[in-house]
């Protein structure tokens, strides 16, 4: 069985080759490009299962590319792992707000990158397999198998991470989840993430859900829950 495909968008040759080598060694089908413009075109034509995206690119930077990818119906479903330099915390937050799924700070361990990618693809595959039941909450319907959220019959576009958070909370209304539990459930316990990045995802999710966003309640000092 063929492994999933990964598109690498990285202008630094050493890092590009390092990522390409380690992913190829794990059996992934890889395509590596060095510019954002080329990466965007390749993503639309090849439809990879995941994209590794450097934020510091010449010309169109990684944030611009991320925004374009998430705005295009052909590529908005593709998970994105960002590669960032130290001191780019604000860029990381912006990237997560735009819909990126994870990030690694340079220098990083190739083994950790492979683990992150494996976790994201495994969870995405599980979601698409439709193992979980459809949830109907007032005027909102959550369909895990289709990765679809309908409000009054109209589809609401969510990133993979936003969908995972909503589904996690909605499955157990009234149950309080800590930020750590949320991260562990949607990304895996090997992921180092800040409270801030979880909060960013919640803010984006509430905004997209409109009036239904108030169902996601903040429990101060603990985490979040879905209103009973």
C-alpha atoms as a PDB file:
ATOM      1  CA  UNK A   1       0.000   0.000   0.000  1.00  0.00           C
ATOM      2  CA  UNK A   2       1.463   3.331  -1.083  1.00  0.00           C
ATOM      3  CA  UNK A   3       2.204   5.924   1.566  1.00  0.00           C
ATOM      4  CA  UNK A   4       0.628   9.360   1.519  1.00  0.00           C
ATOM      5  CA  UNK A   5       2.136  12.217  -0.491  1.00  0.00           C
ATOM      6  CA  UNK A   6       3.835  15.217   1.108  1.00  0.00           C
ATOM      7  CA  UNK A   7       4.694  18.534  -0.557  1.00  0.00           C
ATOM      8  CA  UNK A   8       7.724  20.339   0.906  1.00  0.00           C
ATOM      9  CA  UNK A   9       7.958  24.114   0.344  1.00  0.00           C
ATOM     10  CA  UNK A  10      11.348  25.261   1.651  1.00  0.00           C
ATOM     11  CA  UNK A  11      13.900  27.623   0.089  1.00  0.00           C
ATOM     12  CA  UNK A  12      16.920  26.499   2.162  1.00  0.00           C
ATOM     13  CA  UNK A  13      18.477  23.654   0.222  1.00  0.00           C
ATOM     14  CA  UNK A  14      19.975  21.850   3.241  1.00  0.00           C
ATOM     15  CA  UNK A  15      16.671  21.791   5.125  1.00  0.00           C
ATOM     16  CA  UNK A  16      14.704  20.913   1.992  1.00  0.00           C
ATOM     17  CA  UNK A  17      16.954  17.923   1.328  1.00  0.00           C
ATOM     18  CA  UNK A  18      16.917  16.887   5.006  1.00  0.00           C
ATOM     19  CA  UNK A  19      13.117  16.846   5.133  1.00  0.00           C
ATOM     20  CA  UNK A  20      12.842  15.195   1.731  1.00  0.00           C
ATOM     21  CA  UNK A  21      15.322  12.455   2.676  1.00  0.00           C
ATOM     22  CA  UNK A  22      13.702  11.606   6.018  1.00  0.00           C
ATOM     23  CA  UNK A  23      10.166  11.528   4.652  1.00  0.00           C
ATOM     24  CA  UNK A  24      11.208   9.453   1.624  1.00  0.00           C
ATOM     25  CA  UNK A  25      12.977   7.039   3.972  1.00  0.00           C
ATOM     26  CA  UNK A  26       9.679   6.588   5.830  1.00  0.00           C
ATOM     27  CA  UNK A  27       7.971   5.704   2.552  1.00  0.00           C
ATOM     28  CA  UNK A  28       6.152   8.965   1.866  1.00  0.00           C
ATOM     29  CA  UNK A  29       5.855  10.158  -1.725  1.00  0.00           C
ATOM     30  CA  UNK A  30       7.560  13.554  -1.661  1.00  0.00           C
ATOM     31  CA  UNK A  31       7.723  16.597  -3.900  1.00  0.00           C
ATOM     32  CA  UNK A  32      10.100  19.414  -2.897  1.00  0.00           C
ATOM     33  CA  UNK A  33       9.996  22.989  -4.236  1.00  0.00           C
ATOM     34  CA  UNK A  34      11.855  26.117  -3.185  1.00  0.00           C
ATOM     35  CA  UNK A  35       9.374  28.970  -3.701  1.00  0.00           C
ATOM     36  CA  UNK A  36       5.916  29.782  -2.448  1.00  0.00           C
ATOM     37  CA  UNK A  37       4.577  30.460  -5.921  1.00  0.00           C
ATOM     38  CA  UNK A  38       5.741  27.086  -7.173  1.00  0.00           C
ATOM     39  CA  UNK A  39       4.444  25.434  -4.016  1.00  0.00           C
ATOM     40  CA  UNK A  40       0.954  26.845  -4.467  1.00  0.00           C
ATOM     41  CA  UNK A  41       0.776  25.690  -8.100  1.00  0.00           C
ATOM     42  CA  UNK A  42       2.074  22.238  -7.154  1.00  0.00           C
ATOM     43  CA  UNK A  43      -0.432  21.911  -4.310  1.00  0.00           C
ATOM     44  CA  UNK A  44      -3.317  22.629  -6.672  1.00  0.00           C
ATOM     45  CA  UNK A  45      -2.093  20.240  -9.367  1.00  0.00           C
ATOM     46  CA  UNK A  46      -0.822  17.324  -7.243  1.00  0.00           C
ATOM     47  CA  UNK A  47      -3.273  17.544  -4.313  1.00  0.00           C
ATOM     48  CA  UNK A  48      -0.813  16.191  -1.684  1.00  0.00           C
ATOM     49  CA  UNK A  49      -2.045  14.634   1.551  1.00  0.00           C
ATOM     50  CA  UNK A  50       0.008  17.128   3.596  1.00  0.00           C
ATOM     51  CA  UNK A  51       2.198  20.204   3.113  1.00  0.00           C
ATOM     52  CA  UNK A  52       5.378  21.125   5.000  1.00  0.00           C
ATOM     53  CA  UNK A  53       5.612  24.915   4.625  1.00  0.00           C
ATOM     54  CA  UNK A  54       8.505  27.195   5.581  1.00  0.00           C
ATOM     55  CA  UNK A  55       7.317  30.646   6.711  1.00  0.00           C
ATOM     56  CA  UNK A  56      10.455  32.557   5.645  1.00  0.00           C
ATOM     57  CA  UNK A  57      10.266  32.262   1.868  1.00  0.00           C
ATOM     58  CA  UNK A  58      11.518  34.768  -0.714  1.00  0.00           C
ATOM     59  CA  UNK A  59       8.803  36.522  -2.676  1.00  0.00           C
ATOM     60  CA  UNK A  60       5.489  35.278  -1.336  1.00  0.00           C
ATOM     61  CA  UNK A  61       6.149  34.203   2.246  1.00  0.00           C
ATOM     62  CA  UNK A  62       4.694  31.203   4.003  1.00  0.00           C
ATOM     63  CA  UNK A  63       1.818  33.100   5.614  1.00  0.00           C
ATOM     64  CA  UNK A  64       0.668  34.383   2.223  1.00  0.00           C
ATOM     65  CA  UNK A  65       0.856  30.862   0.799  1.00  0.00           C
ATOM     66  CA  UNK A  66      -1.033  29.444   3.782  1.00  0.00           C
ATOM     67  CA  UNK A  67      -3.769  32.031   3.299  1.00  0.00           C
ATOM     68  CA  UNK A  68      -4.077  31.201  -0.414  1.00  0.00           C
ATOM     69  CA  UNK A  69      -4.136  27.448   0.237  1.00  0.00           C
ATOM     70  CA  UNK A  70      -6.878  27.724   2.856  1.00  0.00           C
ATOM     71  CA  UNK A  71      -8.944  30.084   0.684  1.00  0.00           C
ATOM     72  CA  UNK A  72      -8.903  27.754  -2.333  1.00  0.00           C
ATOM     73  CA  UNK A  73     -11.555  24.970  -2.331  1.00  0.00           C
ATOM     74  CA  UNK A  74      -9.084  22.640  -4.070  1.00  0.00           C
ATOM     75  CA  UNK A  75      -6.470  22.896  -1.315  1.00  0.00           C
ATOM     76  CA  UNK A  76      -8.232  24.093   1.859  1.00  0.00           C
ATOM     77  CA  UNK A  77      -8.592  20.525   3.189  1.00  0.00           C
ATOM     78  CA  UNK A  78      -4.835  19.799   3.032  1.00  0.00           C
ATOM     79  CA  UNK A  79      -3.138  19.830   6.481  1.00  0.00           C
ATOM     80  CA  UNK A  80      -0.168  22.205   6.821  1.00  0.00           C
ATOM     81  CA  UNK A  81       2.859  21.874   9.110  1.00  0.00           C
ATOM     82  CA  UNK A  82       4.758  25.175   9.366  1.00  0.00           C
ATOM     83  CA  UNK A  83       8.535  25.456   9.766  1.00  0.00           C
ATOM     84  CA  UNK A  84       9.491  28.616  11.657  1.00  0.00           C
ATOM     85  CA  UNK A  85      12.578  30.379  12.938  1.00  0.00           C
ATOM     86  CA  UNK A  86      13.008  31.304  16.599  1.00  0.00           C
ATOM     87  CA  UNK A  87      11.322  34.544  17.589  1.00  0.00           C
ATOM     88  CA  UNK A  88       8.442  34.133  15.138  1.00  0.00           C
ATOM     89  CA  UNK A  89       5.751  33.472  17.752  1.00  0.00           C
ATOM     90  CA  UNK A  90       3.430  36.084  16.259  1.00  0.00           C
ATOM     91  CA  UNK A  91       3.791  34.440  12.849  1.00  0.00           C
ATOM     92  CA  UNK A  92       3.001  31.038  14.381  1.00  0.00           C
ATOM     93  CA  UNK A  93      -0.205  32.421  15.901  1.00  0.00           C
ATOM     94  CA  UNK A  94      -1.147  34.044  12.577  1.00  0.00           C
ATOM     95  CA  UNK A  95      -0.469  30.783  10.744  1.00  0.00           C
ATOM     96  CA  UNK A  96      -2.704  28.840  13.147  1.00  0.00           C
ATOM     97  CA  UNK A  97      -5.405  31.470  12.738  1.00  0.00           C
ATOM     98  CA  UNK A  98      -5.191  31.035   8.960  1.00  0.00           C
ATOM     99  CA  UNK A  99      -5.720  27.301   9.326  1.00  0.00           C
ATOM    100  CA  UNK A 100      -2.297  25.651   9.654  1.00  0.00           C
ATOM    101  CA  UNK A 101      -2.417  22.457  11.737  1.00  0.00           C
ATOM    102  CA  UNK A 102       0.967  22.385  13.472  1.00  0.00           C
ATOM    103  CA  UNK A 103       4.444  23.946  13.553  1.00  0.00           C
ATOM    104  CA  UNK A 104       8.078  23.166  14.321  1.00  0.00           C
ATOM    105  CA  UNK A 105      10.767  25.663  15.257  1.00  0.00           C
ATOM    106  CA  UNK A 106      14.163  25.432  13.552  1.00  0.00           C
ATOM    107  CA  UNK A 107      16.416  23.657  14.272  1.00  0.00           C
ATOM    108  CA  UNK A 108      14.140  20.642  14.618  1.00  0.00           C
ATOM    109  CA  UNK A 109      14.497  16.892  14.873  1.00  0.00           C
ATOM    110  CA  UNK A 110      13.572  15.023  11.657  1.00  0.00           C
ATOM    111  CA  UNK A 111      12.148  12.252  13.858  1.00  0.00           C
ATOM    112  CA  UNK A 112       9.807  14.718  15.557  1.00  0.00           C
ATOM    113  CA  UNK A 113       8.697  16.092  12.169  1.00  0.00           C
ATOM    114  CA  UNK A 114       7.936  12.574  10.916  1.00  0.00           C
ATOM    115  CA  UNK A 115       6.009  11.847  14.137  1.00  0.00           C
ATOM    116  CA  UNK A 116       3.933  15.024  13.788  1.00  0.00           C
ATOM    117  CA  UNK A 117       3.128  14.245  10.148  1.00  0.00           C
ATOM    118  CA  UNK A 118       2.223  10.646  10.962  1.00  0.00           C
ATOM    119  CA  UNK A 119      -0.115  11.808  13.756  1.00  0.00           C
ATOM    120  CA  UNK A 120      -1.882  14.415  11.599  1.00  0.00           C
ATOM    121  CA  UNK A 121      -2.403  12.037   8.681  1.00  0.00           C
ATOM    122  CA  UNK A 122      -3.588   9.228  10.947  1.00  0.00           C
ATOM    123  CA  UNK A 123      -6.161  11.444  12.639  1.00  0.00           C
ATOM    124  CA  UNK A 124      -7.267  12.913   9.293  1.00  0.00           C
ATOM    125  CA  UNK A 125      -7.725   9.407   7.907  1.00  0.00           C
ATOM    126  CA  UNK A 126      -9.719   8.372  10.965  1.00  0.00           C
ATOM    127  CA  UNK A 127     -11.999  11.382  10.554  1.00  0.00           C
ATOM    128  CA  UNK A 128     -12.557  10.679   6.863  1.00  0.00           C
ATOM    129  CA  UNK A 129     -13.319   7.022   7.583  1.00  0.00           C
ATOM    130  CA  UNK A 130     -16.564   8.051   9.263  1.00  0.00           C
ATOM    131  CA  UNK A 131     -16.233   5.831  12.359  1.00  0.00           C
ATOM    132  CA  UNK A 132     -18.125   8.269  14.577  1.00  0.00           C
ATOM    133  CA  UNK A 133     -21.834   9.037  14.616  1.00  0.00           C
ATOM    134  CA  UNK A 134     -23.366  12.200  13.201  1.00  0.00           C
ATOM    135  CA  UNK A 135     -24.150  14.769  15.918  1.00  0.00           C
ATOM    136  CA  UNK A 136     -27.268  16.927  15.668  1.00  0.00           C
ATOM    137  CA  UNK A 137     -27.334  19.870  18.090  1.00  0.00           C
ATOM    138  CA  UNK A 138     -30.219  22.304  17.651  1.00  0.00           C
ATOM    139  CA  UNK A 139     -29.696  23.763  14.161  1.00  0.00           C
ATOM    140  CA  UNK A 140     -26.130  22.425  13.819  1.00  0.00           C
ATOM    141  CA  UNK A 141     -25.132  19.036  12.383  1.00  0.00           C
ATOM    142  CA  UNK A 142     -21.594  17.641  12.754  1.00  0.00           C
ATOM    143  CA  UNK A 143     -20.713  14.837  10.315  1.00  0.00           C
ATOM    144  CA  UNK A 144     -17.273  13.313  11.132  1.00  0.00           C
ATOM    145  CA  UNK A 145     -17.209  11.033   8.100  1.00  0.00           C
ATOM    146  CA  UNK A 146     -17.692  13.932   5.713  1.00  0.00           C
ATOM    147  CA  UNK A 147     -15.649  16.387   7.822  1.00  0.00           C
ATOM    148  CA  UNK A 148     -18.703  18.615   7.501  1.00  0.00           C
ATOM    149  CA  UNK A 149     -20.531  21.059   9.743  1.00  0.00           C
ATOM    150  CA  UNK A 150     -23.966  22.285   8.677  1.00  0.00           C
ATOM    151  CA  UNK A 151     -25.812  25.171  10.311  1.00  0.00           C
ATOM    152  CA  UNK A 152     -29.430  25.432   9.186  1.00  0.00           C
ATOM    153  CA  UNK A 153     -28.449  23.158   6.308  1.00  0.00           C
ATOM    154  CA  UNK A 154     -25.648  25.454   5.119  1.00  0.00           C
ATOM    155  CA  UNK A 155     -22.054  24.223   5.220  1.00  0.00           C
ATOM    156  CA  UNK A 156     -19.574  26.007   7.492  1.00  0.00           C
ATOM    157  CA  UNK A 157     -15.938  25.719   6.396  1.00  0.00           C
ATOM    158  CA  UNK A 158     -13.600  24.722   9.230  1.00  0.00           C
ATOM    159  CA  UNK A 159      -9.929  23.758   9.244  1.00  0.00           C
ATOM    160  CA  UNK A 160      -9.069  20.195  10.259  1.00  0.00           C
ATOM    161  CA  UNK A 161      -7.945  21.382  13.705  1.00  0.00           C
ATOM    162  CA  UNK A 162     -11.070  23.492  14.273  1.00  0.00           C
ATOM    163  CA  UNK A 163     -13.274  20.568  13.263  1.00  0.00           C
ATOM    164  CA  UNK A 164     -11.414  18.228  15.623  1.00  0.00           C
ATOM    165  CA  UNK A 165     -11.866  20.631  18.542  1.00  0.00           C
ATOM    166  CA  UNK A 166     -15.566  21.139  17.840  1.00  0.00           C
ATOM    167  CA  UNK A 167     -16.196  17.405  17.481  1.00  0.00           C
ATOM    168  CA  UNK A 168     -14.247  16.630  20.654  1.00  0.00           C
ATOM    169  CA  UNK A 169     -16.213  19.135  22.749  1.00  0.00           C
ATOM    170  CA  UNK A 170     -19.621  18.448  21.182  1.00  0.00           C
ATOM    171  CA  UNK A 171     -19.392  14.684  21.741  1.00  0.00           C
ATOM    172  CA  UNK A 172     -19.412  15.256  25.498  1.00  0.00           C
ATOM    173  CA  UNK A 173     -21.486  18.348  26.305  1.00  0.00           C
ATOM    174  CA  UNK A 174     -20.854  19.718  29.780  1.00  0.00           C
ATOM    175  CA  UNK A 175     -17.519  17.919  30.066  1.00  0.00           C
ATOM    176  CA  UNK A 176     -14.579  20.283  30.679  1.00  0.00           C
ATOM    177  CA  UNK A 177     -11.439  19.650  28.619  1.00  0.00           C
ATOM    178  CA  UNK A 178      -8.108  21.186  29.581  1.00  0.00           C
ATOM    179  CA  UNK A 179      -5.943  22.705  26.857  1.00  0.00           C
ATOM    180  CA  UNK A 180      -3.550  19.784  27.254  1.00  0.00           C
ATOM    181  CA  UNK A 181      -6.363  17.278  26.731  1.00  0.00           C
ATOM    182  CA  UNK A 182      -7.509  19.109  23.615  1.00  0.00           C
ATOM    183  CA  UNK A 183      -4.007  19.110  22.146  1.00  0.00           C
ATOM    184  CA  UNK A 184      -3.435  15.470  23.066  1.00  0.00           C
ATOM    185  CA  UNK A 185      -6.708  14.412  21.436  1.00  0.00           C
ATOM    186  CA  UNK A 186      -6.354  16.296  18.170  1.00  0.00           C
ATOM    187  CA  UNK A 187      -2.594  16.244  17.614  1.00  0.00           C
ATOM    188  CA  UNK A 188      -0.924  13.658  19.837  1.00  0.00           C
ATOM    189  CA  UNK A 189       0.921  13.912  23.148  1.00  0.00           C
ATOM    190  CA  UNK A 190       4.325  14.393  21.483  1.00  0.00           C
ATOM    191  CA  UNK A 191       3.305  17.892  20.406  1.00  0.00           C
ATOM    192  CA  UNK A 192       4.583  20.862  22.395  1.00  0.00           C
ATOM    193  CA  UNK A 193       1.977  23.603  22.164  1.00  0.00           C
ATOM    194  CA  UNK A 194       1.217  26.771  24.104  1.00  0.00           C
ATOM    195  CA  UNK A 195      -2.056  27.770  25.744  1.00  0.00           C
ATOM    196  CA  UNK A 196      -2.101  30.683  23.348  1.00  0.00           C
ATOM    197  CA  UNK A 197      -2.307  28.512  20.227  1.00  0.00           C
ATOM    198  CA  UNK A 198      -5.275  26.532  21.625  1.00  0.00           C
ATOM    199  CA  UNK A 199      -7.023  29.799  22.493  1.00  0.00           C
ATOM    200  CA  UNK A 200      -6.411  31.068  18.953  1.00  0.00           C
ATOM    201  CA  UNK A 201      -8.112  27.994  17.498  1.00  0.00           C
ATOM    202  CA  UNK A 202     -11.114  28.460  19.819  1.00  0.00           C
ATOM    203  CA  UNK A 203     -11.467  32.131  18.843  1.00  0.00           C
ATOM    204  CA  UNK A 204     -11.451  31.226  15.142  1.00  0.00           C
ATOM    205  CA  UNK A 205     -13.925  28.393  15.693  1.00  0.00           C
ATOM    206  CA  UNK A 206     -16.367  30.575  17.609  1.00  0.00           C
ATOM    207  CA  UNK A 207     -16.213  33.230  14.915  1.00  0.00           C
ATOM    208  CA  UNK A 208     -16.983  30.749  12.128  1.00  0.00           C
ATOM    209  CA  UNK A 209     -19.886  29.200  14.050  1.00  0.00           C
ATOM    210  CA  UNK A 210     -21.558  32.600  14.471  1.00  0.00           C
ATOM    211  CA  UNK A 211     -24.316  32.581  17.129  1.00  0.00           C
ATOM    212  CA  UNK A 212     -23.589  28.885  17.780  1.00  0.00           C
ATOM    213  CA  UNK A 213     -20.069  29.825  18.890  1.00  0.00           C
ATOM    214  CA  UNK A 214     -21.462  30.750  22.311  1.00  0.00           C
ATOM    215  CA  UNK A 215     -22.002  27.015  22.905  1.00  0.00           C
ATOM    216  CA  UNK A 216     -18.232  26.727  23.425  1.00  0.00           C
ATOM    217  CA  UNK A 217     -17.741  28.003  26.954  1.00  0.00           C
ATOM    218  CA  UNK A 218     -14.508  29.042  28.657  1.00  0.00           C
ATOM    219  CA  UNK A 219     -13.966  27.550  32.096  1.00  0.00           C
ATOM    220  CA  UNK A 220     -11.482  29.941  33.672  1.00  0.00           C
ATOM    221  CA  UNK A 221      -8.293  28.343  34.893  1.00  0.00           C
ATOM    222  CA  UNK A 222      -9.252  24.971  33.418  1.00  0.00           C
ATOM    223  CA  UNK A 223     -10.139  24.906  29.721  1.00  0.00           C
ATOM    224  CA  UNK A 224     -13.253  24.646  27.552  1.00  0.00           C
ATOM    225  CA  UNK A 225     -16.562  22.809  27.365  1.00  0.00           C
ATOM    226  CA  UNK A 226     -19.547  22.535  25.060  1.00  0.00           C
ATOM    227  CA  UNK A 227     -22.714  23.939  26.651  1.00  0.00           C
ATOM    228  CA  UNK A 228     -25.237  21.321  27.746  1.00  0.00           C
END
